Protein backbone atom coordinates (compact mmCIF):
# COMPACT_ATOMS: atom_id res chain seq x y z
CA MET A 1 15.78 -4.47 0.43
CA PRO A 2 13.75 -1.86 -1.50
CA LEU A 3 10.48 -0.54 -0.09
CA PHE A 4 8.64 -1.59 -3.27
CA ASN A 5 9.43 -4.42 -5.68
CA PRO A 6 11.09 -2.71 -8.70
CA LYS A 7 9.14 -4.87 -11.20
CA THR A 8 5.86 -3.81 -9.60
CA ILE A 9 6.81 -0.14 -9.88
CA GLN A 10 7.90 -0.54 -13.51
CA ALA A 11 4.58 -2.23 -14.35
CA ALA A 12 2.65 0.60 -12.68
CA PHE A 13 4.49 3.25 -14.70
CA ALA A 14 3.91 1.32 -17.91
CA THR A 15 0.13 1.85 -17.68
CA ASP A 16 -1.81 4.98 -18.60
CA ARG A 17 -3.08 6.50 -15.38
CA PRO A 18 -4.88 9.80 -14.98
CA ILE A 19 -3.28 12.66 -13.09
CA ALA A 20 -3.76 12.49 -9.33
CA THR A 21 -7.11 13.58 -7.93
CA ASP A 22 -7.44 16.35 -5.35
CA GLY A 23 -7.94 13.69 -2.66
CA GLU A 24 -4.79 11.84 -3.71
CA ARG A 25 -2.81 15.09 -3.70
CA ALA A 26 -4.13 16.00 -0.24
CA ALA A 27 -3.17 12.57 1.11
CA ALA A 28 0.33 12.85 -0.42
CA ILE A 29 0.76 16.28 1.19
CA ARG A 30 -0.36 14.83 4.54
CA TRP A 31 2.18 11.98 4.24
CA ALA A 32 4.95 14.44 3.31
CA ALA A 33 4.08 16.57 6.35
CA LEU A 34 4.46 13.53 8.61
CA ALA A 35 7.77 12.68 6.97
CA ARG A 36 9.06 16.23 7.47
CA VAL A 37 8.67 15.90 11.23
CA ASP A 38 10.27 12.43 11.15
CA PHE A 39 6.90 10.82 11.90
CA HIS A 40 7.04 12.31 15.41
CA GLY A 41 9.77 9.83 16.36
CA GLN A 42 7.65 6.75 15.71
CA ASN A 43 9.26 3.56 14.46
CA GLU A 44 8.25 1.54 11.39
CA SER A 45 5.72 -0.60 13.24
CA GLN A 46 4.08 2.45 14.77
CA ILE A 47 3.61 4.28 11.46
CA GLU A 48 2.52 1.18 9.52
CA PRO A 49 -1.24 1.90 9.86
CA GLU A 50 -0.76 5.45 8.52
CA PHE A 51 1.49 4.20 5.71
CA ASN A 52 -1.23 1.75 4.69
CA ALA A 53 -4.16 4.17 5.00
CA ILE A 54 -2.57 7.35 3.68
CA LEU A 55 0.04 6.31 1.14
CA MET A 56 -1.07 2.90 -0.09
CA GLN A 57 -4.83 3.44 -0.03
CA ALA A 58 -5.54 7.19 -0.29
CA VAL A 59 -2.64 8.10 -2.61
CA LEU A 60 -2.05 4.92 -4.61
CA GLY A 61 -5.63 3.63 -4.58
CA TYR A 62 -5.23 0.11 -3.21
CA GLN A 63 -8.42 -1.26 -1.64
CA PRO A 64 -8.35 -3.12 1.69
CA VAL A 65 -10.00 -6.49 2.09
CA SER A 66 -13.42 -6.55 3.77
CA PRO A 67 -15.37 -9.64 4.85
CA ASP A 68 -17.42 -9.94 1.64
CA ILE A 69 -15.64 -7.41 -0.59
CA PRO A 70 -12.48 -8.24 -2.53
CA GLY A 71 -9.45 -6.02 -2.10
CA THR A 72 -6.03 -5.32 -3.57
CA ILE A 73 -4.00 -4.89 -0.36
CA LYS A 74 -3.82 -7.07 2.73
CA ALA A 75 -1.90 -6.54 5.96
CA LYS A 76 0.17 -9.26 7.62
CA GLN A 77 -0.08 -11.70 4.72
CA PRO A 78 1.80 -15.03 5.00
CA ILE A 79 4.18 -15.47 2.06
CA GLY A 80 6.57 -18.41 1.96
CA ALA A 81 8.09 -18.96 5.38
CA GLY A 82 7.36 -15.43 6.58
CA ILE A 83 4.74 -12.72 6.84
CA VAL A 84 4.88 -9.44 4.93
CA ASP A 85 3.58 -6.19 6.42
CA LEU A 86 1.48 -5.38 3.35
CA ALA A 87 0.83 -7.61 0.36
CA LEU A 88 -0.50 -6.39 -2.98
CA GLY A 89 -2.70 -8.68 -5.04
CA ASP A 90 -6.25 -9.95 -5.45
CA PHE A 91 -7.81 -10.94 -2.14
CA GLY A 92 -11.35 -12.00 -1.44
CA PRO A 93 -13.53 -14.69 0.05
CA GLY A 94 -11.84 -18.01 -0.71
CA ARG A 95 -9.00 -16.58 -2.81
CA THR A 96 -5.58 -15.08 -2.37
CA ALA A 97 -3.42 -14.10 -5.34
CA VAL A 98 -0.34 -12.19 -4.21
CA CYS A 99 1.49 -10.01 -6.73
CA THR A 100 5.13 -11.01 -6.48
CA GLY A 101 6.41 -8.94 -9.37
């Protein structure tokens, strides 16, 4: 199973997006540094918070859900009969719209 839904990636590349900011570049460099040292031997569950904060939020710009503020990424979201680690979509008070590609 791919890390990202291919249709979601294709849709992202189809839009005009400015070149990465200095902050996005710095976060990508930080993630690459962790990858180079094999994430210090941590497993997927252990690096999940860093993956979310560094790669998904700081590099890619997804916004986490807050109590009264809508977001575009949500951890441990029920989908179908299971729960995904991170869901992309439109999340806010009283609404959940998951992007399924």
